[in-house]
Amino acid sequence: EGKAWGAAGRTIMATANGIHSAGNNIELMIDVGLLPERDITLFEQFIGGVVSERAPPKENLADGKEVTPRNLNNEYEPTYTSAENAEGIIKNLDKEYDELEIKEPNLNLVSKLKNYLLRARRNYLIQSIKDAYSADKGKYTFYHGLIAITRLLPYIVKQIDDSRLNIYLARDGANYWLTKKMMQGEKFDAKNNIIFHLSREKLGTRMTAMEEMLEDVKKLNVSKDKFFDVFMDRFSARVASDAEFKDKVGEVYRQLKDAGIISIRDGVKDFRIVESMAEGVLTAFIKAVIIYSSGEVEKKADVEEFIIAPKYDDTARSRGIRTFQWPTEGKDKITPETVKQWFKDEGLESPQTITFDSIEQ
């Protein structure tokens, strides 16, 4: 629906995924292929060294303290001045680039690559803004995509109410926390909206075990209402038979407690795990940990998985994962005129034809 009205399908998916970075070998090789040949050697040396970019930053850039897997709300507090127009955005980009660029002499390979990527991204974003305001203001550019993203995010956040304790899975899920905080201002309830981090890397071999158990239950064709009951039988058996798996369950449970998610206050029985575009393995693990480890009093905890745009629709349907619903009625209804107005407000026209350059593809 959004694509037909000028908001590209890729734009909607990018919104859901917080501008996704390369997540597998195919995506990574496409990215490498876009590098100038002189830079590929540098990139290969970097990849062969430190690759931990799927985790949260090791240090908080604001104060240099190590970031631990706990309540990450403070790490995502907005610290920038909002720009009112394209010119202001370019000024902010230049300011951020100047602050983030590594200026030390005799940089090592990792620092050189970080500076290169930072400069390339800055130049690309600024050029996309300039292209958007060229003679053909209705030609699709990456900046059009960014406008659509920022306009669509509030519609997503309105479907994440405070009827449950919301767990935003960093990194990508934190975009919705930030949007909600900016929308609600002083009314924002930080204790009911908490950013938490768990990655494939941190699960390690337990990731494969989770994938296998989820797939096994899926093959049984049980109803979505019974899916997790059947899955928990397998999960519990795995905890009992696999010491490493049990240790990871205990570790993540302690982190959830430290983050203020578990036992945040008496009577909390309903949780919502918020993720962007995902397969649902990490959300399933957190849900299972809460159900398994919370004790008899909280055994009936109701944990909802809200994946805005699941990678596989059949996965979402098979176990009742909640997804973003495109508003088609009421005051929040998105119509073709709504989308056109998004661009008109920025002095642009709604693209009639959606095309992608090599980077966006």
Protein backbone atom coordinates (compact mmCIF):
# COMPACT_ATOMS: atom_id res chain seq x y z
CA GLU A 1 0.00 0.00 0.00
CA GLY A 2 2.74 2.44 0.94
CA LYS A 3 4.73 1.73 -2.22
CA ALA A 4 1.72 2.44 -4.42
CA TRP A 5 1.42 5.84 -2.81
CA GLY A 6 5.01 6.95 -3.10
CA ALA A 7 6.57 5.38 0.00
CA ALA A 8 8.74 2.58 -1.34
CA GLY A 9 8.46 -0.92 0.04
CA ARG A 10 12.17 -0.74 0.80
CA THR A 11 11.53 2.48 2.68
CA ILE A 12 8.98 0.76 4.86
CA MET A 13 11.33 -2.15 5.50
CA ALA A 14 14.18 0.24 6.28
CA THR A 15 11.91 1.97 8.75
CA ALA A 16 11.19 -1.35 10.37
CA ASN A 17 14.84 -2.30 10.50
CA GLY A 18 16.46 1.00 11.45
CA ILE A 19 18.46 1.09 8.16
CA HIS A 20 19.76 -2.47 8.15
CA SER A 21 23.48 -3.17 7.88
CA ALA A 22 24.87 -6.19 6.07
CA GLY A 23 23.60 -9.22 7.95
CA ASN A 24 24.94 -12.12 5.90
CA ASN A 25 27.75 -13.02 3.51
CA ILE A 26 25.77 -12.12 0.38
CA GLU A 27 24.88 -8.64 1.66
CA LEU A 28 28.44 -8.12 2.86
CA MET A 29 29.98 -9.07 -0.51
CA ILE A 30 27.62 -6.66 -2.28
CA ASP A 31 28.83 -3.92 0.05
CA VAL A 32 32.47 -4.86 -0.54
CA GLY A 33 31.89 -4.82 -4.30
CA LEU A 34 30.87 -1.16 -4.07
CA LEU A 35 34.21 -0.17 -2.56
CA PRO A 36 36.92 1.33 -4.81
CA GLU A 37 39.48 -1.38 -5.57
CA ARG A 38 42.21 0.46 -3.67
CA ASP A 39 40.15 0.19 -0.47
CA ILE A 40 39.22 -3.49 -0.65
CA THR A 41 42.57 -4.66 0.76
CA LEU A 42 42.13 -2.35 3.73
CA PHE A 43 38.61 -3.63 4.23
CA GLU A 44 39.69 -7.28 4.10
CA GLN A 45 42.35 -6.62 6.73
CA PHE A 46 39.75 -5.00 8.93
CA ILE A 47 37.28 -7.88 8.52
CA GLY A 48 40.05 -10.33 9.38
CA GLY A 49 40.67 -8.50 12.63
CA VAL A 50 37.93 -7.04 14.79
CA VAL A 51 34.33 -7.82 13.81
CA SER A 52 31.93 -7.06 16.66
CA GLU A 53 29.72 -4.44 15.05
CA ARG A 54 26.45 -6.28 15.76
CA ALA A 55 26.80 -5.53 19.45
CA PRO A 56 26.12 -2.22 21.17
CA PRO A 57 29.10 0.15 21.35
CA LYS A 58 31.71 -1.13 23.76
CA GLU A 59 32.00 2.34 25.23
CA ASN A 60 29.54 5.13 25.72
CA LEU A 61 30.91 7.88 23.47
CA ALA A 62 29.62 10.50 25.88
CA ASP A 63 31.60 9.46 28.96
CA GLY A 64 33.85 6.60 27.86
CA LYS A 65 32.34 4.10 30.30
CA GLU A 66 31.85 0.54 29.15
CA VAL A 67 28.33 -0.31 28.00
CA THR A 68 26.98 -3.45 29.67
CA PRO A 69 23.93 -5.52 28.63
CA ARG A 70 21.48 -3.91 31.02
CA ASN A 71 18.94 -1.12 30.79
CA LEU A 72 20.32 0.90 27.85
CA ASN A 73 17.88 3.80 28.00
CA ASN A 74 20.54 6.33 28.99
CA GLU A 75 22.72 5.34 26.03
CA TYR A 76 19.96 6.31 23.59
CA GLU A 77 18.97 9.65 25.08
CA PRO A 78 18.73 12.20 22.23
CA THR A 79 21.65 14.63 22.45
CA TYR A 80 21.30 16.55 19.20
CA THR A 81 19.50 19.66 18.01
CA SER A 82 16.64 18.86 15.68
CA ALA A 83 16.96 20.46 12.23
CA GLU A 84 13.94 22.16 10.67
CA ASN A 85 15.05 21.94 7.03
CA ALA A 86 17.53 20.31 4.65
CA GLU A 87 20.12 23.03 5.17
CA GLY A 88 19.99 22.46 8.92
CA ILE A 89 20.39 18.70 8.43
CA ILE A 90 23.54 19.26 6.35
CA LYS A 91 24.97 21.52 9.04
CA ASN A 92 24.26 18.87 11.67
CA LEU A 93 25.89 16.20 9.51
CA ASP A 94 29.03 18.31 9.15
CA LYS A 95 29.09 18.94 12.89
CA GLU A 96 28.64 15.26 13.75
CA TYR A 97 31.27 14.27 11.18
CA ASP A 98 33.78 16.67 12.68
CA GLU A 99 33.13 15.30 16.18
CA LEU A 100 33.31 11.63 15.17
CA GLU A 101 36.30 11.77 12.82
CA ILE A 102 39.41 10.25 14.36
CA LYS A 103 42.07 12.95 14.14
CA GLU A 104 45.02 11.23 15.81
CA PRO A 105 48.31 11.00 13.84
CA ASN A 106 49.57 7.66 12.50
CA LEU A 107 46.18 5.96 12.45
CA ASN A 108 46.03 2.15 12.42
CA LEU A 109 44.08 0.21 9.78
CA VAL A 110 40.90 0.01 11.82
CA SER A 111 40.84 3.77 12.44
CA LYS A 112 41.57 4.52 8.79
CA LEU A 113 38.66 2.35 7.68
CA LYS A 114 36.31 3.92 10.23
CA ASN A 115 37.23 7.38 8.96
CA TYR A 116 36.75 6.24 5.37
CA LEU A 117 33.28 4.80 6.05
CA LEU A 118 32.29 7.85 8.08
CA ARG A 119 33.34 10.19 5.28
CA ALA A 120 31.65 8.08 2.60
CA ARG A 121 28.35 8.00 4.51
CA ARG A 122 28.46 11.73 5.20
CA ASN A 123 29.13 12.52 1.54
CA TYR A 124 26.40 10.15 0.37
CA LEU A 125 23.77 11.59 2.69
CA ILE A 126 24.59 15.19 1.78
CA GLN A 127 24.60 14.40 -1.93
CA SER A 128 21.22 12.65 -1.64
CA ILE A 129 19.77 15.81 -0.07
CA LYS A 130 21.19 17.97 -2.86
CA ASP A 131 19.88 15.56 -5.49
CA ALA A 132 16.40 15.68 -3.94
CA TYR A 133 16.25 19.44 -4.47
CA SER A 134 17.64 19.37 -8.00
CA ALA A 135 15.52 20.23 -11.05
CA ASP A 136 13.43 17.06 -10.81
CA LYS A 137 12.03 17.23 -7.26
CA GLY A 138 9.79 14.24 -7.89
CA LYS A 139 12.63 11.84 -8.68
CA TYR A 140 13.17 9.31 -5.92
CA THR A 141 16.32 9.80 -3.82
CA PHE A 142 17.56 8.31 -0.57
CA TYR A 143 16.47 11.55 1.10
CA HIS A 144 12.88 10.87 0.02
CA GLY A 145 13.24 7.53 1.78
CA LEU A 146 14.47 9.21 4.97
CA ILE A 147 11.51 11.60 4.92
CA ALA A 148 9.08 8.69 4.58
CA ILE A 149 10.85 6.84 7.39
CA THR A 150 10.56 9.72 9.85
CA ARG A 151 6.89 10.20 8.96
CA LEU A 152 6.05 6.49 9.27
CA LEU A 153 7.80 5.88 12.61
CA PRO A 154 5.12 7.67 14.69
CA TYR A 155 2.41 5.45 13.18
CA ILE A 156 4.39 2.39 14.29
CA VAL A 157 4.94 3.78 17.79
CA LYS A 158 1.22 4.43 18.24
CA GLN A 159 0.80 0.64 18.08
CA ILE A 160 3.22 0.22 21.00
CA ASP A 161 1.15 1.40 23.96
CA ASP A 162 1.99 1.12 27.66
CA SER A 163 -0.52 -1.62 28.46
CA ARG A 164 2.52 -3.89 28.74
CA LEU A 165 6.11 -3.44 29.85
CA ASN A 166 7.86 -2.81 26.52
CA ILE A 167 11.28 -4.36 25.92
CA TYR A 168 12.95 -2.75 22.89
CA LEU A 169 15.57 -5.08 21.44
CA ALA A 170 18.68 -3.05 20.58
CA ARG A 171 20.01 -2.08 18.23
CA ASP A 172 17.25 -1.61 15.68
CA GLY A 173 14.31 -1.81 18.08
CA ALA A 174 15.66 1.19 19.99
CA ASN A 175 14.48 3.44 17.14
CA TYR A 176 10.91 3.00 18.35
CA TRP A 177 11.91 3.81 21.95
CA LEU A 178 13.56 7.01 20.77
CA THR A 179 10.58 7.98 18.60
CA LYS A 180 8.15 7.33 21.44
CA LYS A 181 10.22 9.38 23.87
CA MET A 182 10.39 12.31 21.46
CA MET A 183 6.64 12.11 20.81
CA GLN A 184 5.56 11.88 24.47
CA GLY A 185 8.12 14.20 26.05
CA GLU A 186 7.64 14.51 29.81
CA LYS A 187 4.76 11.99 29.72
CA PHE A 188 7.14 9.23 28.58
CA ASP A 189 7.27 6.37 31.11
CA ALA A 190 10.89 5.15 31.09
CA LYS A 191 10.17 2.38 33.61
CA ASN A 192 7.62 0.87 31.24
CA ASN A 193 9.80 1.25 28.14
CA ILE A 194 13.24 -0.31 28.42
CA ILE A 195 15.97 -0.91 25.82
CA PHE A 196 17.72 -4.26 26.18
CA HIS A 197 20.42 -5.90 24.07
CA LEU A 198 20.76 -9.49 22.96
CA SER A 199 22.54 -10.58 19.77
CA ARG A 200 23.17 -13.71 17.74
CA GLU A 201 26.80 -13.39 18.74
CA LYS A 202 25.93 -13.44 22.44
CA LEU A 203 23.71 -16.51 22.04
CA GLY A 204 26.46 -18.34 20.15
CA THR A 205 25.65 -22.03 19.61
CA ARG A 206 22.40 -21.55 21.55
CA MET A 207 21.16 -19.62 18.50
CA THR A 208 21.28 -22.80 16.41
CA ALA A 209 19.53 -24.76 19.15
CA MET A 210 16.73 -22.17 19.25
CA GLU A 211 16.33 -22.24 15.48
CA GLU A 212 16.07 -26.03 15.48
CA MET A 213 13.48 -26.14 18.28
CA LEU A 214 11.34 -23.42 16.68
CA GLU A 215 11.45 -25.20 13.33
CA ASP A 216 10.53 -28.53 14.92
CA VAL A 217 7.42 -27.05 16.52
CA LYS A 218 6.50 -25.25 13.32
CA LYS A 219 6.50 -28.58 11.46
CA LEU A 220 3.92 -29.95 13.92
CA ASN A 221 1.35 -27.45 12.56
CA VAL A 222 -0.04 -26.72 16.00
CA SER A 223 -2.30 -23.70 16.39
CA LYS A 224 -0.67 -20.36 17.09
CA ASP A 225 -2.32 -20.35 20.53
CA LYS A 226 -0.58 -23.63 21.41
CA PHE A 227 2.73 -22.99 19.61
CA PHE A 228 4.63 -21.57 22.56
CA ASP A 229 3.23 -24.11 25.04
CA VAL A 230 4.65 -26.87 22.87
CA PHE A 231 7.87 -24.95 22.35
CA MET A 232 8.35 -24.44 26.11
CA ASP A 233 8.34 -28.21 26.61
CA ARG A 234 11.35 -28.43 24.30
CA PHE A 235 12.96 -25.35 25.82
CA SER A 236 12.67 -26.76 29.35
CA ALA A 237 14.07 -30.11 28.24
CA ARG A 238 17.02 -28.37 26.62
CA VAL A 239 17.75 -26.44 29.81
CA ALA A 240 17.70 -29.70 31.75
CA SER A 241 20.02 -31.54 29.36
CA ASP A 242 22.40 -28.84 28.09
CA ALA A 243 24.59 -27.12 30.70
CA GLU A 244 25.75 -24.35 28.33
CA PHE A 245 22.19 -23.61 27.28
CA LYS A 246 21.11 -23.49 30.93
CA ASP A 247 23.96 -21.10 31.77
CA LYS A 248 22.91 -18.72 28.99
CA VAL A 249 19.28 -18.79 30.15
CA GLY A 250 20.42 -17.88 33.66
CA GLU A 251 22.74 -15.18 32.39
CA VAL A 252 20.07 -13.46 30.27
CA TYR A 253 17.54 -13.73 33.10
CA ARG A 254 19.94 -11.95 35.46
CA GLN A 255 20.50 -9.26 32.84
CA LEU A 256 16.75 -8.78 32.49
CA LYS A 257 16.52 -8.34 36.26
CA ASP A 258 19.45 -5.88 36.28
CA ALA A 259 17.76 -3.91 33.50
CA GLY A 260 14.64 -3.48 35.65
CA ILE A 261 12.49 -5.63 33.37
CA ILE A 262 11.81 -8.60 35.62
CA SER A 263 10.17 -7.76 38.96
CA ILE A 264 10.22 -4.06 38.15
CA ARG A 265 7.17 -3.77 40.41
CA ASP A 266 4.65 -6.12 41.93
CA GLY A 267 1.96 -7.37 39.61
CA VAL A 268 3.78 -7.06 36.26
CA LYS A 269 2.60 -10.03 34.25
CA ASP A 270 2.41 -8.61 30.72
CA PHE A 271 5.45 -7.93 28.56
CA ARG A 272 5.99 -6.89 24.94
CA ILE A 273 9.26 -7.52 23.09
CA VAL A 274 9.69 -4.99 20.28
CA GLU A 275 11.92 -5.78 17.30
CA SER A 276 12.18 -4.38 13.78
CA MET A 277 12.71 -6.74 10.85
CA ALA A 278 13.76 -10.11 12.23
CA GLU A 279 13.33 -13.86 12.07
CA GLY A 280 12.05 -13.93 15.65
CA VAL A 281 14.69 -16.19 17.21
CA LEU A 282 15.99 -13.61 19.68
CA THR A 283 12.50 -12.47 20.67
CA ALA A 284 11.51 -16.11 21.20
CA PHE A 285 14.54 -16.67 23.44
CA ILE A 286 13.76 -13.66 25.64
CA LYS A 287 10.10 -14.68 25.84
CA ALA A 288 11.06 -18.22 26.83
CA VAL A 289 13.55 -16.99 29.45
CA ILE A 290 10.87 -14.81 31.09
CA ILE A 291 8.33 -17.63 31.13
CA TYR A 292 10.81 -20.28 32.28
CA SER A 293 12.76 -18.33 34.89
CA SER A 294 10.25 -15.99 36.49
CA GLY A 295 9.06 -18.55 39.05
CA GLU A 296 5.65 -19.95 39.82
CA VAL A 297 4.10 -16.60 40.76
CA GLU A 298 4.92 -15.12 37.35
CA LYS A 299 4.61 -18.39 35.45
CA LYS A 300 1.52 -17.11 33.67
CA ALA A 301 3.31 -14.00 32.41
CA ASP A 302 1.84 -12.92 29.08
CA VAL A 303 4.73 -12.12 26.73
CA GLU A 304 3.86 -10.63 23.34
CA GLU A 305 6.31 -10.58 20.44
CA PHE A 306 5.84 -7.46 18.32
CA ILE A 307 8.04 -7.70 15.23
CA ILE A 308 7.20 -4.75 13.02
CA ALA A 309 8.13 -6.49 9.75
CA PRO A 310 8.98 -10.21 10.18
CA LYS A 311 11.40 -11.60 7.62
CA TYR A 312 9.09 -14.58 7.09
CA ASP A 313 5.33 -14.14 7.15
CA ASP A 314 4.67 -17.82 7.81
CA THR A 315 6.77 -17.63 10.99
CA ALA A 316 4.69 -14.75 12.28
CA ARG A 317 1.43 -16.51 11.50
CA SER A 318 2.48 -19.86 12.95
CA ARG A 319 3.11 -18.53 16.44
CA GLY A 320 0.93 -15.43 16.61
CA ILE A 321 3.64 -12.77 16.39
CA ARG A 322 2.06 -9.31 16.31
CA THR A 323 3.10 -7.11 13.39
CA PHE A 324 2.69 -3.49 12.31
CA GLN A 325 -0.70 -2.89 10.73
CA TRP A 326 -0.84 -0.25 8.01
CA PRO A 327 -3.46 2.31 9.15
CA THR A 328 -6.40 2.13 6.74
CA GLU A 329 -9.14 3.84 8.73
CA GLY A 330 -9.75 6.41 11.46
CA LYS A 331 -7.84 9.61 12.12
CA ASP A 332 -4.48 7.88 11.60
CA LYS A 333 -5.44 6.51 8.18
CA ILE A 334 -2.61 6.83 5.65
CA THR A 335 -3.85 7.72 2.18
CA PRO A 336 -2.06 8.70 -1.05
CA GLU A 337 -2.68 12.33 -0.10
CA THR A 338 -1.10 11.76 3.30
CA VAL A 339 2.12 10.53 1.70
CA LYS A 340 2.14 13.36 -0.85
CA GLN A 341 1.88 15.83 2.01
CA TRP A 342 4.94 14.29 3.72
CA PHE A 343 7.07 15.41 0.76
CA LYS A 344 5.20 18.65 0.10
CA ASP A 345 6.00 19.79 3.66
CA GLU A 346 9.68 19.48 2.74
CA GLY A 347 9.38 21.34 -0.55
CA LEU A 348 9.44 18.15 -2.63
CA GLU A 349 7.06 16.08 -4.71
CA SER A 350 5.94 12.52 -4.07
CA PRO A 351 8.03 10.25 -6.35
CA GLN A 352 6.00 8.76 -9.17
CA THR A 353 8.61 6.10 -9.96
CA ILE A 354 10.68 4.36 -7.31
CA THR A 355 14.21 3.52 -8.43
CA PHE A 356 17.25 2.52 -6.42
CA ASP A 357 20.95 3.22 -6.88
CA SER A 358 23.61 0.55 -6.29
CA ILE A 359 24.00 1.35 -2.59
CA GLU A 360 20.29 1.10 -1.81
CA GLN A 361 19.98 -2.15 -3.76
